[in-house]
Amino acid sequence: MNSPDSLLFPGSADAGAAVCSAKGCRSAAVWVLAWNNPKLHTPERRKTWLACDEHREHLSQFLGVRGFLKEVVTLAEWEGRSASDG
């Protein structure tokens, strides 16, 4: 699985804070949108986008209409899964 750690925003006030993946948004991420493109990725592969509360629905719809969205979970839940995997 891909980790949202690669989406940290180094210039934020809280260095290392996870931020929303929406273009131009610097709000704290609350959600992880796990997705894959079945034409490019194996079925078990998960790419991730992070979302704040404001952009969660928009980003989910963008991925959903393309058939890419696999699940939406809180960032805390996703990080908990990663910790138990490692």
C-alpha atoms as a PDB file:
ATOM      1  CA  MET A   1       0.000   0.000   0.000  1.00  0.00           C
ATOM      2  CA  ASN A   2       1.105   3.523  -0.581  1.00  0.00           C
ATOM      3  CA  SER A   3       1.538   5.641   2.482  1.00  0.00           C
ATOM      4  CA  PRO A   4       0.161   9.159   2.715  1.00  0.00           C
ATOM      5  CA  ASP A   5       3.535  10.092   4.238  1.00  0.00           C
ATOM      6  CA  SER A   6       4.674  11.021   0.726  1.00  0.00           C
ATOM      7  CA  LEU A   7       1.998  13.736   0.697  1.00  0.00           C
ATOM      8  CA  LEU A   8       3.294  15.736   3.637  1.00  0.00           C
ATOM      9  CA  PHE A   9       3.604  19.447   3.084  1.00  0.00           C
ATOM     10  CA  PRO A  10       7.096  20.576   4.175  1.00  0.00           C
ATOM     11  CA  GLY A  11       6.310  24.300   4.195  1.00  0.00           C
ATOM     12  CA  SER A  12       3.330  24.137   6.515  1.00  0.00           C
ATOM     13  CA  ALA A  13       3.321  25.708   9.959  1.00  0.00           C
ATOM     14  CA  ASP A  14       3.361  22.207  11.415  1.00  0.00           C
ATOM     15  CA  ALA A  15       6.221  20.661   9.429  1.00  0.00           C
ATOM     16  CA  GLY A  16       5.353  17.083   8.637  1.00  0.00           C
ATOM     17  CA  ALA A  17       1.606  17.684   8.892  1.00  0.00           C
ATOM     18  CA  ALA A  18      -0.465  15.800   6.328  1.00  0.00           C
ATOM     19  CA  VAL A  19      -2.365  18.191   4.049  1.00  0.00           C
ATOM     20  CA  CYS A  20      -5.236  17.873   1.629  1.00  0.00           C
ATOM     21  CA  SER A  21      -4.425  16.731  -1.924  1.00  0.00           C
ATOM     22  CA  ALA A  22      -6.886  19.170  -3.514  1.00  0.00           C
ATOM     23  CA  LYS A  23      -5.157  21.684  -5.751  1.00  0.00           C
ATOM     24  CA  GLY A  24      -4.147  24.774  -3.786  1.00  0.00           C
ATOM     25  CA  CYS A  25      -5.508  23.495  -0.468  1.00  0.00           C
ATOM     26  CA  ARG A  26      -3.231  23.585   2.558  1.00  0.00           C
ATOM     27  CA  SER A  27      -5.768  22.419   5.122  1.00  0.00           C
ATOM     28  CA  ALA A  28      -4.993  19.534   7.418  1.00  0.00           C
ATOM     29  CA  ALA A  29      -5.914  16.142   6.003  1.00  0.00           C
ATOM     30  CA  VAL A  30      -8.585  14.198   7.852  1.00  0.00           C
ATOM     31  CA  TRP A  31      -9.435  11.541   5.253  1.00  0.00           C
ATOM     32  CA  VAL A  32      -7.549   9.015   3.124  1.00  0.00           C
ATOM     33  CA  LEU A  33      -9.071   8.140  -0.239  1.00  0.00           C
ATOM     34  CA  ALA A  34      -7.634   4.799  -1.346  1.00  0.00           C
ATOM     35  CA  TRP A  35      -7.869   4.176  -5.073  1.00  0.00           C
ATOM     36  CA  ASN A  36      -6.372   2.416  -8.054  1.00  0.00           C
ATOM     37  CA  ASN A  37      -6.643   2.590 -11.809  1.00  0.00           C
ATOM     38  CA  PRO A  38      -7.503  -0.959 -12.910  1.00  0.00           C
ATOM     39  CA  LYS A  39      -5.939  -0.329 -16.321  1.00  0.00           C
ATOM     40  CA  LEU A  40      -2.576   0.412 -14.686  1.00  0.00           C
ATOM     41  CA  HIS A  41      -2.527  -1.228 -11.253  1.00  0.00           C
ATOM     42  CA  THR A  42      -2.986  -4.731  -9.929  1.00  0.00           C
ATOM     43  CA  PRO A  43      -6.270  -5.159  -7.993  1.00  0.00           C
ATOM     44  CA  GLU A  44      -4.597  -5.124  -4.559  1.00  0.00           C
ATOM     45  CA  ARG A  45      -2.536  -1.971  -5.225  1.00  0.00           C
ATOM     46  CA  ARG A  46      -3.737   1.173  -3.429  1.00  0.00           C
ATOM     47  CA  LYS A  47      -2.732   4.713  -4.238  1.00  0.00           C
ATOM     48  CA  THR A  48      -3.794   7.413  -1.789  1.00  0.00           C
ATOM     49  CA  TRP A  49      -5.052  10.957  -1.814  1.00  0.00           C
ATOM     50  CA  LEU A  50      -5.557  12.922   1.360  1.00  0.00           C
ATOM     51  CA  ALA A  51      -8.567  15.164   1.907  1.00  0.00           C
ATOM     52  CA  CYS A  52      -9.759  17.777   4.357  1.00  0.00           C
ATOM     53  CA  ASP A  53     -13.439  17.782   5.345  1.00  0.00           C
ATOM     54  CA  GLU A  54     -14.210  20.421   2.712  1.00  0.00           C
ATOM     55  CA  HIS A  55     -12.713  18.512  -0.242  1.00  0.00           C
ATOM     56  CA  ARG A  56     -13.521  14.918   0.722  1.00  0.00           C
ATOM     57  CA  GLU A  57     -16.723  14.732  -1.321  1.00  0.00           C
ATOM     58  CA  HIS A  58     -15.275  16.462  -4.402  1.00  0.00           C
ATOM     59  CA  LEU A  59     -12.199  14.243  -4.525  1.00  0.00           C
ATOM     60  CA  SER A  60     -14.304  11.136  -3.839  1.00  0.00           C
ATOM     61  CA  GLN A  61     -16.631  12.000  -6.724  1.00  0.00           C
ATOM     62  CA  PHE A  62     -13.684  12.640  -9.058  1.00  0.00           C
ATOM     63  CA  LEU A  63     -12.278   9.179  -8.355  1.00  0.00           C
ATOM     64  CA  GLY A  64     -15.698   7.524  -8.116  1.00  0.00           C
ATOM     65  CA  VAL A  65     -17.005   8.498 -11.558  1.00  0.00           C
ATOM     66  CA  ARG A  66     -13.864   6.938 -13.040  1.00  0.00           C
ATOM     67  CA  GLY A  67     -14.336   3.731 -11.066  1.00  0.00           C
ATOM     68  CA  PHE A  68     -11.052   4.272  -9.213  1.00  0.00           C
ATOM     69  CA  LEU A  69     -12.246   4.856  -5.631  1.00  0.00           C
ATOM     70  CA  LYS A  70     -11.898   1.783  -3.414  1.00  0.00           C
ATOM     71  CA  GLU A  71     -12.427   3.159   0.109  1.00  0.00           C
ATOM     72  CA  VAL A  72     -12.493   6.293   2.236  1.00  0.00           C
ATOM     73  CA  VAL A  73     -11.269   6.109   5.829  1.00  0.00           C
ATOM     74  CA  THR A  74     -10.046   8.578   8.418  1.00  0.00           C
ATOM     75  CA  LEU A  75      -6.359   9.373   8.409  1.00  0.00           C
ATOM     76  CA  ALA A  76      -6.125   8.067  11.985  1.00  0.00           C
ATOM     77  CA  GLU A  77      -7.615   4.706  10.926  1.00  0.00           C
ATOM     78  CA  TRP A  78      -5.258   4.465   7.918  1.00  0.00           C
ATOM     79  CA  GLU A  79      -2.223   5.244  10.067  1.00  0.00           C
ATOM     80  CA  GLY A  80      -3.393   2.643  12.600  1.00  0.00           C
ATOM     81  CA  ARG A  81      -3.510   0.029   9.852  1.00  0.00           C
ATOM     82  CA  SER A  82      -0.024   0.975   8.675  1.00  0.00           C
ATOM     83  CA  ALA A  83       1.347   0.716  12.202  1.00  0.00           C
ATOM     84  CA  SER A  84      -0.111  -2.765  12.652  1.00  0.00           C
ATOM     85  CA  ASP A  85       1.297  -3.869   9.262  1.00  0.00           C
ATOM     86  CA  GLY A  86       4.848  -2.796  10.088  1.00  0.00           C
END
